[in-house]
Amino acid sequence: MDYNTYLETIENRLKKNFDLIRNYTINNCDFDLFAKYNSRTERYILTKKTVIDAMENNEYCFIKYFDKLDKDHLATHIHSLIRTIDILVNPNEEHMSSTITGVIVLENKPTTDIIDKIREFKYHKGFVFGFKGWVDIRLILVTMNDKYIVTNRKGKEVRQVYQV
């Protein structure tokens, strides 16, 4: 499978629930595909105008193809995902959680130290001790030729969605 076919496959899997944008740029970082999902739940009394409380859950997905991936490229990519939090996540009383999924696509399987870094990666940030929600980052690596996929612990939740 080539990369364009893979992108179309992922778009078809996500298009029912996500807003999709091809060739998206944020913080001077280019991504091949950006997907955004927002969910809001409210509780109210008698009428919908008297809201007791509300909860927002958001998910953002960034897919990017790399010709080669070394430790520096991986560190830069992770840092750019972390920087998107300041732009995308709006911690307030109604915000419950946001998840950012970074999908790295390669032709061939990278070195074992890169794979280990992806498996070990963990990012969780709470806002005001969790009263204004939290954000987690999933990291996923997919290879086209050998159909190999590796994720961090949080990424295992959506592993099936991004398989080749």
Protein backbone atom coordinates (compact mmCIF):
# COMPACT_ATOMS: atom_id res chain seq x y z
CA MET A 1 0.00 0.00 0.00
CA ASP A 2 1.31 3.46 -0.81
CA TYR A 3 0.98 6.50 1.43
CA ASN A 4 -1.84 8.23 -0.51
CA THR A 5 -3.96 5.08 -0.37
CA TYR A 6 -3.28 4.86 3.37
CA LEU A 7 -4.39 8.47 3.87
CA GLU A 8 -7.61 7.81 1.95
CA THR A 9 -8.26 4.72 4.06
CA ILE A 10 -7.80 6.69 7.29
CA GLU A 11 -10.03 9.49 5.97
CA ASN A 12 -12.78 6.97 5.24
CA ARG A 13 -12.49 5.54 8.75
CA LEU A 14 -12.61 8.96 10.42
CA LYS A 15 -14.97 11.00 8.22
CA LYS A 16 -18.17 9.98 10.05
CA ASN A 17 -17.05 11.50 13.34
CA PHE A 18 -14.19 13.87 12.55
CA ASP A 19 -13.73 17.11 10.62
CA LEU A 20 -10.84 16.46 8.22
CA ILE A 21 -8.32 18.89 6.73
CA ARG A 22 -5.54 17.90 4.31
CA ASN A 23 -2.18 19.73 4.32
CA TYR A 24 -2.71 21.46 7.66
CA THR A 25 -0.16 23.84 9.20
CA ILE A 26 -0.01 24.72 12.89
CA ASN A 27 2.93 26.37 14.70
CA ASN A 28 4.92 26.35 11.45
CA CYS A 29 4.65 22.53 11.34
CA ASP A 30 3.08 20.90 8.30
CA PHE A 31 0.88 17.83 8.61
CA ASP A 32 -0.56 15.74 5.80
CA LEU A 33 -3.90 15.22 7.56
CA PHE A 34 -5.57 16.87 10.53
CA ALA A 35 -8.72 15.42 12.10
CA LYS A 36 -10.80 17.11 14.80
CA TYR A 37 -13.62 15.71 16.95
CA ASN A 38 -15.58 17.70 19.56
CA SER A 39 -18.22 16.33 21.90
CA ARG A 40 -20.30 18.33 24.37
CA THR A 41 -22.70 16.90 26.92
CA GLU A 42 -25.06 18.98 29.09
CA ARG A 43 -27.31 18.37 32.06
CA TYR A 44 -30.22 20.73 32.58
CA ILE A 45 -33.37 21.27 34.65
CA LEU A 46 -36.81 21.55 33.04
CA THR A 47 -35.66 23.49 29.95
CA LYS A 48 -32.47 23.40 27.92
CA LYS A 49 -31.81 27.02 28.84
CA THR A 50 -31.15 26.14 32.51
CA VAL A 51 -27.93 24.19 32.20
CA ILE A 52 -26.58 22.66 35.42
CA ASP A 53 -23.24 21.62 33.98
CA ALA A 54 -21.60 20.68 30.71
CA MET A 55 -18.63 18.54 29.67
CA GLU A 56 -16.47 18.85 26.57
CA ASN A 57 -14.30 16.07 25.18
CA ASN A 58 -12.03 16.73 22.21
CA GLU A 59 -9.77 14.64 20.04
CA TYR A 60 -7.23 15.89 17.54
CA CYS A 61 -5.25 13.72 15.15
CA PHE A 62 -2.15 14.71 13.18
CA ILE A 63 -0.76 12.41 10.47
CA LYS A 64 2.64 13.06 8.93
CA TYR A 65 4.85 11.12 6.55
CA PHE A 66 8.63 11.02 7.14
CA ASP A 67 11.24 9.90 4.60
CA LYS A 68 13.53 8.96 7.48
CA LEU A 69 13.15 9.21 11.22
CA ASP A 70 16.02 9.65 13.65
CA LYS A 71 16.06 10.75 17.29
CA ASP A 72 16.21 14.44 16.40
CA HIS A 73 13.26 14.26 13.98
CA LEU A 74 11.25 12.32 16.56
CA ALA A 75 12.05 14.80 19.34
CA THR A 76 11.10 17.73 17.09
CA HIS A 77 7.83 16.05 16.11
CA ILE A 78 6.92 15.29 19.73
CA HIS A 79 7.75 18.87 20.72
CA SER A 80 5.50 20.22 17.95
CA LEU A 81 2.63 18.00 19.19
CA ILE A 82 3.10 19.33 22.71
CA ARG A 83 3.12 22.93 21.44
CA THR A 84 -0.26 22.42 19.74
CA ILE A 85 -1.85 22.08 23.18
CA ASP A 86 -1.60 25.83 23.76
CA ILE A 87 -3.49 26.52 20.54
CA LEU A 88 -6.10 23.72 20.46
CA VAL A 89 -6.97 23.06 24.09
CA ASN A 90 -9.08 25.61 25.96
CA PRO A 91 -9.12 24.59 29.64
CA ASN A 92 -12.25 25.91 31.32
CA GLU A 93 -14.91 24.66 33.73
CA GLU A 94 -16.64 22.70 30.96
CA HIS A 95 -13.51 21.13 29.48
CA MET A 96 -13.10 17.53 30.61
CA SER A 97 -10.48 15.99 28.35
CA SER A 98 -8.56 16.43 25.13
CA THR A 99 -6.48 13.84 23.34
CA ILE A 100 -3.89 14.56 20.70
CA THR A 101 -2.91 11.66 18.45
CA GLY A 102 0.31 11.97 16.49
CA VAL A 103 0.66 9.39 13.71
CA ILE A 104 4.09 9.00 12.13
CA VAL A 105 4.16 7.16 8.82
CA LEU A 106 7.34 5.61 7.37
CA GLU A 107 8.11 3.29 4.48
CA ASN A 108 10.30 0.90 6.50
CA LYS A 109 10.71 -0.09 10.11
CA PRO A 110 13.02 2.29 12.03
CA THR A 111 15.78 1.38 14.47
CA THR A 112 14.94 -0.22 17.80
CA ASP A 113 15.89 2.89 19.80
CA ILE A 114 13.23 4.90 17.91
CA ILE A 115 10.66 2.17 18.54
CA ASP A 116 11.58 2.11 22.24
CA LYS A 117 11.22 5.90 22.49
CA ILE A 118 7.74 5.73 20.99
CA ARG A 119 6.67 2.90 23.32
CA GLU A 120 8.02 4.74 26.38
CA PHE A 121 6.58 8.15 25.49
CA LYS A 122 4.03 9.47 27.96
CA TYR A 123 2.41 12.88 28.19
CA HIS A 124 -0.40 13.85 30.53
CA LYS A 125 -1.14 17.38 31.66
CA GLY A 126 -3.86 18.39 34.08
CA PHE A 127 -5.28 21.90 34.26
CA VAL A 128 -5.93 23.32 37.75
CA PHE A 129 -5.54 19.90 39.40
CA GLY A 130 -7.95 18.38 36.87
CA PHE A 131 -10.82 20.76 37.65
CA LYS A 132 -10.45 22.25 34.18
CA GLY A 133 -9.74 18.92 32.54
CA TRP A 134 -6.64 17.30 31.16
CA VAL A 135 -4.83 16.46 27.95
CA ASP A 136 -3.08 13.26 26.84
CA ILE A 137 -0.91 12.57 23.82
CA ARG A 138 -1.01 9.32 21.86
CA LEU A 139 1.97 8.49 19.68
CA ILE A 140 1.67 5.96 16.85
CA LEU A 141 4.22 4.79 14.28
CA VAL A 142 3.00 3.02 11.12
CA THR A 143 5.19 1.52 8.38
CA MET A 144 3.91 0.97 4.86
CA ASN A 145 6.12 -1.88 3.57
CA ASP A 146 6.01 -4.30 6.50
CA LYS A 147 2.65 -3.09 7.89
CA TYR A 148 4.22 -2.65 11.30
CA ILE A 149 2.57 -0.50 13.97
CA VAL A 150 3.88 0.55 17.36
CA THR A 151 2.17 2.81 19.89
CA ASN A 152 2.72 4.27 23.30
CA ARG A 153 0.45 3.03 26.09
CA LYS A 154 -2.28 5.60 25.38
CA GLY A 155 -2.13 4.85 21.64
CA LYS A 156 -3.19 1.24 22.14
CA GLU A 157 -6.77 2.52 22.55
CA VAL A 158 -6.92 3.43 18.83
CA ARG A 159 -4.35 1.08 17.33
CA GLN A 160 -6.90 -0.68 15.09
CA VAL A 161 -7.99 2.58 13.47
CA TYR A 162 -4.53 3.41 12.11
CA GLN A 163 -3.39 -0.04 10.98
CA VAL A 164 -2.46 -0.53 7.34
